[in-house]
Amino acid sequence: MFLGRRRRSGQATTEYILVTVLVAILSIGVITAFGNQLRDLFRVATERMGGISDSKLDASITNSAKAQVRQSMSSLKE
């Protein structure tokens, strides 16, 4: 009776670990792909909360991120 519960508990732990690893890998991928754009978004948000209302996103970072997304989308289609 106790052996069945241990197996289920071990299975749940394994599933939890697998989900955690998957989320970590996806997070690393998103940060790698959009790191500069995310950094720029946080910079603008921080400056605006600090009272600098004329803070704007860097267009070159946004354009390069768009180009990367288009390139990855085209490679997925192939």
PDB file of N, CA and C in Angstrom:
ATOM      1  N   MET A   1       0.825  -1.187   0.000  1.00  0.00           N
ATOM      2  CA  MET A   1       0.000   0.000   0.000  1.00  0.00           C
ATOM      3  C   MET A   1       0.874   1.257   0.000  1.00  0.00           C
ATOM      4  N   PHE A   2       1.907   1.275   0.806  1.00  0.00           N
ATOM      5  CA  PHE A   2       2.776   2.438   0.862  1.00  0.00           C
ATOM      6  C   PHE A   2       3.660   2.547  -0.384  1.00  0.00           C
ATOM      7  N   LEU A   3       3.972   1.425  -0.997  1.00  0.00           N
ATOM      8  CA  LEU A   3       4.822   1.450  -2.182  1.00  0.00           C
ATOM      9  C   LEU A   3       4.149   2.172  -3.336  1.00  0.00           C
ATOM     10  N   GLY A   4       2.856   2.008  -3.481  1.00  0.00           N
ATOM     11  CA  GLY A   4       2.117   2.693  -4.546  1.00  0.00           C
ATOM     12  C   GLY A   4       2.145   4.201  -4.364  1.00  0.00           C
ATOM     13  N   ARG A   5       2.062   4.645  -3.147  1.00  0.00           N
ATOM     14  CA  ARG A   5       2.093   6.088  -2.877  1.00  0.00           C
ATOM     15  C   ARG A   5       3.478   6.674  -3.156  1.00  0.00           C
ATOM     16  N   ARG A   6       4.501   5.936  -2.855  1.00  0.00           N
ATOM     17  CA  ARG A   6       5.861   6.411  -3.122  1.00  0.00           C
ATOM     18  C   ARG A   6       6.080   6.555  -4.614  1.00  0.00           C
ATOM     19  N   ARG A   7       5.607   5.616  -5.385  1.00  0.00           N
ATOM     20  CA  ARG A   7       5.777   5.681  -6.834  1.00  0.00           C
ATOM     21  C   ARG A   7       5.044   6.887  -7.407  1.00  0.00           C
ATOM     22  N   ARG A   8       3.851   7.142  -6.932  1.00  0.00           N
ATOM     23  CA  ARG A   8       3.091   8.290  -7.416  1.00  0.00           C
ATOM     24  C   ARG A   8       3.776   9.592  -7.023  1.00  0.00           C
ATOM     25  N   SER A   9       4.283   9.640  -5.831  1.00  0.00           N
ATOM     26  CA  SER A   9       4.979  10.836  -5.371  1.00  0.00           C
ATOM     27  C   SER A   9       6.244  11.066  -6.193  1.00  0.00           C
ATOM     28  N   GLY A  10       6.958   9.999  -6.474  1.00  0.00           N
ATOM     29  CA  GLY A  10       8.151  10.114  -7.299  1.00  0.00           C
ATOM     30  C   GLY A  10       7.821  10.519  -8.711  1.00  0.00           C
ATOM     31  N   GLN A  11       6.707  10.024  -9.240  1.00  0.00           N
ATOM     32  CA  GLN A  11       6.280  10.387 -10.581  1.00  0.00           C
ATOM     33  C   GLN A  11       5.902  11.860 -10.621  1.00  0.00           C
ATOM     34  N   ALA A  12       5.189  12.347  -9.627  1.00  0.00           N
ATOM     35  CA  ALA A  12       4.796  13.756  -9.575  1.00  0.00           C
ATOM     36  C   ALA A  12       6.028  14.648  -9.475  1.00  0.00           C
ATOM     37  N   THR A  13       6.997  14.238  -8.693  1.00  0.00           N
ATOM     38  CA  THR A  13       8.226  15.009  -8.561  1.00  0.00           C
ATOM     39  C   THR A  13       8.977  15.073  -9.885  1.00  0.00           C
ATOM     40  N   THR A  14       9.039  13.949 -10.573  1.00  0.00           N
ATOM     41  CA  THR A  14       9.709  13.906 -11.869  1.00  0.00           C
ATOM     42  C   THR A  14       9.002  14.813 -12.870  1.00  0.00           C
ATOM     43  N   GLU A  15       7.685  14.776 -12.903  1.00  0.00           N
ATOM     44  CA  GLU A  15       6.929  15.639 -13.813  1.00  0.00           C
ATOM     45  C   GLU A  15       7.159  17.106 -13.474  1.00  0.00           C
ATOM     46  N   TYR A  16       7.180  17.420 -12.191  1.00  0.00           N
ATOM     47  CA  TYR A  16       7.422  18.790 -11.761  1.00  0.00           C
ATOM     48  C   TYR A  16       8.803  19.261 -12.219  1.00  0.00           C
ATOM     49  N   ILE A  17       9.790  18.411 -12.068  1.00  0.00           N
ATOM     50  CA  ILE A  17      11.151  18.757 -12.497  1.00  0.00           C
ATOM     51  C   ILE A  17      11.204  18.958 -14.007  1.00  0.00           C
ATOM     52  N   LEU A  18      10.539  18.091 -14.767  1.00  0.00           N
ATOM     53  CA  LEU A  18      10.531  18.235 -16.226  1.00  0.00           C
ATOM     54  C   LEU A  18       9.868  19.536 -16.669  1.00  0.00           C
ATOM     55  N   VAL A  19       8.759  19.889 -16.047  1.00  0.00           N
ATOM     56  CA  VAL A  19       8.082  21.147 -16.375  1.00  0.00           C
ATOM     57  C   VAL A  19       8.975  22.334 -16.021  1.00  0.00           C
ATOM     58  N   THR A  20       9.628  22.276 -14.878  1.00  0.00           N
ATOM     59  CA  THR A  20      10.528  23.355 -14.460  1.00  0.00           C
ATOM     60  C   THR A  20      11.685  23.518 -15.430  1.00  0.00           C
ATOM     61  N   VAL A  21      12.260  22.421 -15.873  1.00  0.00           N
ATOM     62  CA  VAL A  21      13.363  22.475 -16.835  1.00  0.00           C
ATOM     63  C   VAL A  21      12.882  23.046 -18.167  1.00  0.00           C
ATOM     64  N   LEU A  22      11.698  22.638 -18.614  1.00  0.00           N
ATOM     65  CA  LEU A  22      11.146  23.148 -19.869  1.00  0.00           C
ATOM     66  C   LEU A  22      10.922  24.654 -19.791  1.00  0.00           C
ATOM     67  N   VAL A  23      10.365  25.127 -18.692  1.00  0.00           N
ATOM     68  CA  VAL A  23      10.147  26.572 -18.513  1.00  0.00           C
ATOM     69  C   VAL A  23      11.482  27.312 -18.501  1.00  0.00           C
ATOM     70  N   ALA A  24      12.488  26.748 -17.859  1.00  0.00           N
ATOM     71  CA  ALA A  24      13.809  27.384 -17.810  1.00  0.00           C
ATOM     72  C   ALA A  24      14.417  27.464 -19.210  1.00  0.00           C
ATOM     73  N   ILE A  25      14.315  26.403 -19.984  1.00  0.00           N
ATOM     74  CA  ILE A  25      14.879  26.398 -21.341  1.00  0.00           C
ATOM     75  C   ILE A  25      14.153  27.417 -22.219  1.00  0.00           C
ATOM     76  N   LEU A  26      12.817  27.469 -22.125  1.00  0.00           N
ATOM     77  CA  LEU A  26      12.067  28.443 -22.910  1.00  0.00           C
ATOM     78  C   LEU A  26      12.398  29.872 -22.489  1.00  0.00           C
ATOM     79  N   SER A  27      12.576  30.095 -21.199  1.00  0.00           N
ATOM     80  CA  SER A  27      12.932  31.431 -20.713  1.00  0.00           C
ATOM     81  C   SER A  27      14.293  31.854 -21.240  1.00  0.00           C
ATOM     82  N   ILE A  28      15.238  30.949 -21.235  1.00  0.00           N
ATOM     83  CA  ILE A  28      16.573  31.261 -21.760  1.00  0.00           C
ATOM     84  C   ILE A  28      16.483  31.578 -23.244  1.00  0.00           C
ATOM     85  N   GLY A  29      15.676  30.833 -23.971  1.00  0.00           N
ATOM     86  CA  GLY A  29      15.508  31.098 -25.402  1.00  0.00           C
ATOM     87  C   GLY A  29      14.896  32.456 -25.682  1.00  0.00           C
ATOM     88  N   VAL A  30      13.877  32.822 -24.921  1.00  0.00           N
ATOM     89  CA  VAL A  30      13.230  34.126 -25.103  1.00  0.00           C
ATOM     90  C   VAL A  30      14.189  35.245 -24.744  1.00  0.00           C
ATOM     91  N   ILE A  31      14.908  35.096 -23.661  1.00  0.00           N
ATOM     92  CA  ILE A  31      15.854  36.138 -23.254  1.00  0.00           C
ATOM     93  C   ILE A  31      16.985  36.263 -24.264  1.00  0.00           C
ATOM     94  N   THR A  32      17.431  35.143 -24.821  1.00  0.00           N
ATOM     95  CA  THR A  32      18.483  35.188 -25.836  1.00  0.00           C
ATOM     96  C   THR A  32      17.988  35.893 -27.090  1.00  0.00           C
ATOM     97  N   ALA A  33      16.758  35.591 -27.496  1.00  0.00           N
ATOM     98  CA  ALA A  33      16.228  36.168 -28.730  1.00  0.00           C
ATOM     99  C   ALA A  33      15.855  37.637 -28.566  1.00  0.00           C
ATOM    100  N   PHE A  34      15.288  37.992 -27.431  1.00  0.00           N
ATOM    101  CA  PHE A  34      14.763  39.339 -27.248  1.00  0.00           C
ATOM    102  C   PHE A  34      15.439  40.102 -26.112  1.00  0.00           C
ATOM    103  N   GLY A  35      16.650  39.720 -25.744  1.00  0.00           N
ATOM    104  CA  GLY A  35      17.316  40.319 -24.589  1.00  0.00           C
ATOM    105  C   GLY A  35      17.499  41.815 -24.675  1.00  0.00           C
ATOM    106  N   ASN A  36      18.003  42.290 -25.815  1.00  0.00           N
ATOM    107  CA  ASN A  36      18.236  43.733 -25.949  1.00  0.00           C
ATOM    108  C   ASN A  36      16.938  44.515 -25.941  1.00  0.00           C
ATOM    109  N   GLN A  37      15.916  43.978 -26.597  1.00  0.00           N
ATOM    110  CA  GLN A  37      14.628  44.669 -26.621  1.00  0.00           C
ATOM    111  C   GLN A  37      14.001  44.688 -25.228  1.00  0.00           C
ATOM    112  N   LEU A  38      14.096  43.582 -24.496  1.00  0.00           N
ATOM    113  CA  LEU A  38      13.576  43.561 -23.128  1.00  0.00           C
ATOM    114  C   LEU A  38      14.325  44.545 -22.236  1.00  0.00           C
ATOM    115  N   ARG A  39      15.635  44.601 -22.395  1.00  0.00           N
ATOM    116  CA  ARG A  39      16.440  45.534 -21.615  1.00  0.00           C
ATOM    117  C   ARG A  39      16.021  46.980 -21.901  1.00  0.00           C
ATOM    118  N   ASP A  40      15.761  47.279 -23.183  1.00  0.00           N
ATOM    119  CA  ASP A  40      15.346  48.624 -23.565  1.00  0.00           C
ATOM    120  C   ASP A  40      13.958  48.942 -23.009  1.00  0.00           C
ATOM    121  N   LEU A  41      13.050  47.963 -23.014  1.00  0.00           N
ATOM    122  CA  LEU A  41      11.719  48.179 -22.448  1.00  0.00           C
ATOM    123  C   LEU A  41      11.788  48.466 -20.950  1.00  0.00           C
ATOM    124  N   PHE A  42      12.624  47.717 -20.236  1.00  0.00           N
ATOM    125  CA  PHE A  42      12.777  47.964 -18.805  1.00  0.00           C
ATOM    126  C   PHE A  42      13.427  49.319 -18.546  1.00  0.00           C
ATOM    127  N   ARG A  43      14.371  49.717 -19.405  1.00  0.00           N
ATOM    128  CA  ARG A  43      14.997  51.032 -19.250  1.00  0.00           C
ATOM    129  C   ARG A  43      13.965  52.144 -19.373  1.00  0.00           C
ATOM    130  N   VAL A  44      13.111  52.057 -20.409  1.00  0.00           N
ATOM    131  CA  VAL A  44      12.089  53.082 -20.613  1.00  0.00           C
ATOM    132  C   VAL A  44      11.095  53.090 -19.451  1.00  0.00           C
ATOM    133  N   ALA A  45      10.665  51.909 -19.010  1.00  0.00           N
ATOM    134  CA  ALA A  45       9.714  51.839 -17.900  1.00  0.00           C
ATOM    135  C   ALA A  45      10.301  52.434 -16.627  1.00  0.00           C
ATOM    136  N   THR A  46      11.566  52.138 -16.371  1.00  0.00           N
ATOM    137  CA  THR A  46      12.223  52.664 -15.178  1.00  0.00           C
ATOM    138  C   THR A  46      12.363  54.180 -15.248  1.00  0.00           C
ATOM    139  N   GLU A  47      12.758  54.677 -16.415  1.00  0.00           N
ATOM    140  CA  GLU A  47      12.902  56.130 -16.561  1.00  0.00           C
ATOM    141  C   GLU A  47      11.567  56.840 -16.422  1.00  0.00           C
ATOM    142  N   ARG A  48      10.512  56.263 -16.966  1.00  0.00           N
ATOM    143  CA  ARG A  48       9.199  56.903 -16.849  1.00  0.00           C
ATOM    144  C   ARG A  48       8.679  56.866 -15.422  1.00  0.00           C
ATOM    145  N   MET A  49       8.941  55.775 -14.695  1.00  0.00           N
ATOM    146  CA  MET A  49       8.539  55.733 -13.285  1.00  0.00           C
ATOM    147  C   MET A  49       9.364  56.729 -12.470  1.00  0.00           C
ATOM    148  N   GLY A  50      10.579  57.004 -12.924  1.00  0.00           N
ATOM    149  CA  GLY A  50      11.440  57.945 -12.229  1.00  0.00           C
ATOM    150  C   GLY A  50      11.139  59.395 -12.560  1.00  0.00           C
ATOM    151  N   GLY A  51      10.199  59.638 -13.482  1.00  0.00           N
ATOM    152  CA  GLY A  51       9.793  61.005 -13.781  1.00  0.00           C
ATOM    153  C   GLY A  51      10.290  61.534 -15.105  1.00  0.00           C
ATOM    154  N   ILE A  52      11.023  60.759 -15.879  1.00  0.00           N
ATOM    155  CA  ILE A  52      11.484  61.210 -17.194  1.00  0.00           C
ATOM    156  C   ILE A  52      10.419  60.802 -18.211  1.00  0.00           C
ATOM    157  N   SER A  53       9.556  61.752 -18.563  1.00  0.00           N
ATOM    158  CA  SER A  53       8.406  61.411 -19.399  1.00  0.00           C
ATOM    159  C   SER A  53       8.738  61.378 -20.893  1.00  0.00           C
ATOM    160  N   ASP A  54       9.879  61.917 -21.304  1.00  0.00           N
ATOM    161  CA  ASP A  54      10.212  61.937 -22.727  1.00  0.00           C
ATOM    162  C   ASP A  54      11.099  60.758 -23.136  1.00  0.00           C
ATOM    163  N   SER A  55      11.185  59.744 -22.308  1.00  0.00           N
ATOM    164  CA  SER A  55      11.978  58.554 -22.601  1.00  0.00           C
ATOM    165  C   SER A  55      11.305  57.737 -23.705  1.00  0.00           C
ATOM    166  N   LYS A  56      12.101  57.294 -24.689  1.00  0.00           N
ATOM    167  CA  LYS A  56      11.546  56.537 -25.814  1.00  0.00           C
ATOM    168  C   LYS A  56      12.375  55.294 -26.070  1.00  0.00           C
ATOM    169  N   LEU A  57      11.738  54.321 -26.725  1.00  0.00           N
ATOM    170  CA  LEU A  57      12.436  53.101 -27.111  1.00  0.00           C
ATOM    171  C   LEU A  57      13.458  53.402 -28.199  1.00  0.00           C
ATOM    172  N   ASP A  58      14.547  52.681 -28.192  1.00  0.00           N
ATOM    173  CA  ASP A  58      15.573  52.812 -29.219  1.00  0.00           C
ATOM    174  C   ASP A  58      15.084  52.086 -30.474  1.00  0.00           C
ATOM    175  N   ALA A  59      14.876  52.822 -31.552  1.00  0.00           N
ATOM    176  CA  ALA A  59      14.309  52.252 -32.781  1.00  0.00           C
ATOM    177  C   ALA A  59      15.221  51.199 -33.398  1.00  0.00           C
ATOM    178  N   SER A  60      16.529  51.368 -33.280  1.00  0.00           N
ATOM    179  CA  SER A  60      17.436  50.389 -33.886  1.00  0.00           C
ATOM    180  C   SER A  60      17.319  49.020 -33.212  1.00  0.00           C
ATOM    181  N   ILE A  61      17.121  49.022 -31.892  1.00  0.00           N
ATOM    182  CA  ILE A  61      16.955  47.759 -31.172  1.00  0.00           C
ATOM    183  C   ILE A  61      15.645  47.097 -31.577  1.00  0.00           C
ATOM    184  N   THR A  62      14.577  47.891 -31.670  1.00  0.00           N
ATOM    185  CA  THR A  62      13.276  47.351 -32.062  1.00  0.00           C
ATOM    186  C   THR A  62      13.326  46.801 -33.482  1.00  0.00           C
ATOM    187  N   ASN A  63      13.958  47.520 -34.394  1.00  0.00           N
ATOM    188  CA  ASN A  63      14.041  47.063 -35.784  1.00  0.00           C
ATOM    189  C   ASN A  63      14.879  45.798 -35.914  1.00  0.00           C
ATOM    190  N   SER A  64      15.963  45.699 -35.163  1.00  0.00           N
ATOM    191  CA  SER A  64      16.786  44.485 -35.238  1.00  0.00           C
ATOM    192  C   SER A  64      16.034  43.285 -34.663  1.00  0.00           C
ATOM    193  N   ALA A  65      15.231  43.504 -33.616  1.00  0.00           N
ATOM    194  CA  ALA A  65      14.432  42.414 -33.050  1.00  0.00           C
ATOM    195  C   ALA A  65      13.373  41.957 -34.048  1.00  0.00           C
ATOM    196  N   LYS A  66      12.762  42.913 -34.754  1.00  0.00           N
ATOM    197  CA  LYS A  66      11.772  42.553 -35.775  1.00  0.00           C
ATOM    198  C   LYS A  66      12.423  41.738 -36.884  1.00  0.00           C
ATOM    199  N   ALA A  67      13.608  42.131 -37.286  1.00  0.00           N
ATOM    200  CA  ALA A  67      14.315  41.401 -38.337  1.00  0.00           C
ATOM    201  C   ALA A  67      14.650  39.979 -37.892  1.00  0.00           C
ATOM    202  N   GLN A  68      15.046  39.825 -36.647  1.00  0.00           N
ATOM    203  CA  GLN A  68      15.344  38.490 -36.125  1.00  0.00           C
ATOM    204  C   GLN A  68      14.102  37.612 -36.102  1.00  0.00           C
ATOM    205  N   VAL A  69      12.966  38.187 -35.721  1.00  0.00           N
ATOM    206  CA  VAL A  69      11.719  37.415 -35.687  1.00  0.00           C
ATOM    207  C   VAL A  69      11.329  37.004 -37.098  1.00  0.00           C
ATOM    208  N   ARG A  70      11.426  37.919 -38.047  1.00  0.00           N
ATOM    209  CA  ARG A  70      11.095  37.580 -39.435  1.00  0.00           C
ATOM    210  C   ARG A  70      12.000  36.480 -39.962  1.00  0.00           C
ATOM    211  N   GLN A  71      13.278  36.565 -39.638  1.00  0.00           N
ATOM    212  CA  GLN A  71      14.229  35.557 -40.104  1.00  0.00           C
ATOM    213  C   GLN A  71      13.911  34.192 -39.497  1.00  0.00           C
ATOM    214  N   SER A  72      13.596  34.165 -38.190  1.00  0.00           N
ATOM    215  CA  SER A  72      13.280  32.878 -37.581  1.00  0.00           C
ATOM    216  C   SER A  72      11.967  32.315 -38.080  1.00  0.00           C
ATOM    217  N   MET A  73      11.018  33.182 -38.380  1.00  0.00           N
ATOM    218  CA  MET A  73       9.729  32.711 -38.909  1.00  0.00           C
ATOM    219  C   MET A  73       9.925  32.118 -40.308  1.00  0.00           C
ATOM    220  N   SER A  74      10.748  32.755 -41.118  1.00  0.00           N
ATOM    221  CA  SER A  74      10.984  32.228 -42.456  1.00  0.00           C
ATOM    222  C   SER A  74      11.738  30.896 -42.409  1.00  0.00           C
ATOM    223  N   SER A  75      12.627  30.741 -41.447  1.00  0.00           N
ATOM    224  CA  SER A  75      13.345  29.466 -41.326  1.00  0.00           C
ATOM    225  C   SER A  75      12.425  28.364 -40.801  1.00  0.00           C
ATOM    226  N   LEU A  76      11.399  28.729 -40.022  1.00  0.00           N
ATOM    227  CA  LEU A  76      10.451  27.730 -39.545  1.00  0.00           C
ATOM    228  C   LEU A  76       9.565  27.217 -40.680  1.00  0.00           C
ATOM    229  N   LYS A  77       9.274  28.090 -41.627  1.00  0.00           N
ATOM    230  CA  LYS A  77       8.430  27.693 -42.754  1.00  0.00           C
ATOM    231  C   LYS A  77       9.132  26.669 -43.649  1.00  0.00           C
ATOM    232  N   GLU A  78      10.450  26.731 -43.690  1.00  0.00           N
ATOM    233  CA  GLU A  78      11.202  25.832 -44.568  1.00  0.00           C
ATOM    234  C   GLU A  78      11.318  24.468 -44.050  1.00  0.00           C
TER     235      GLU A  78
END
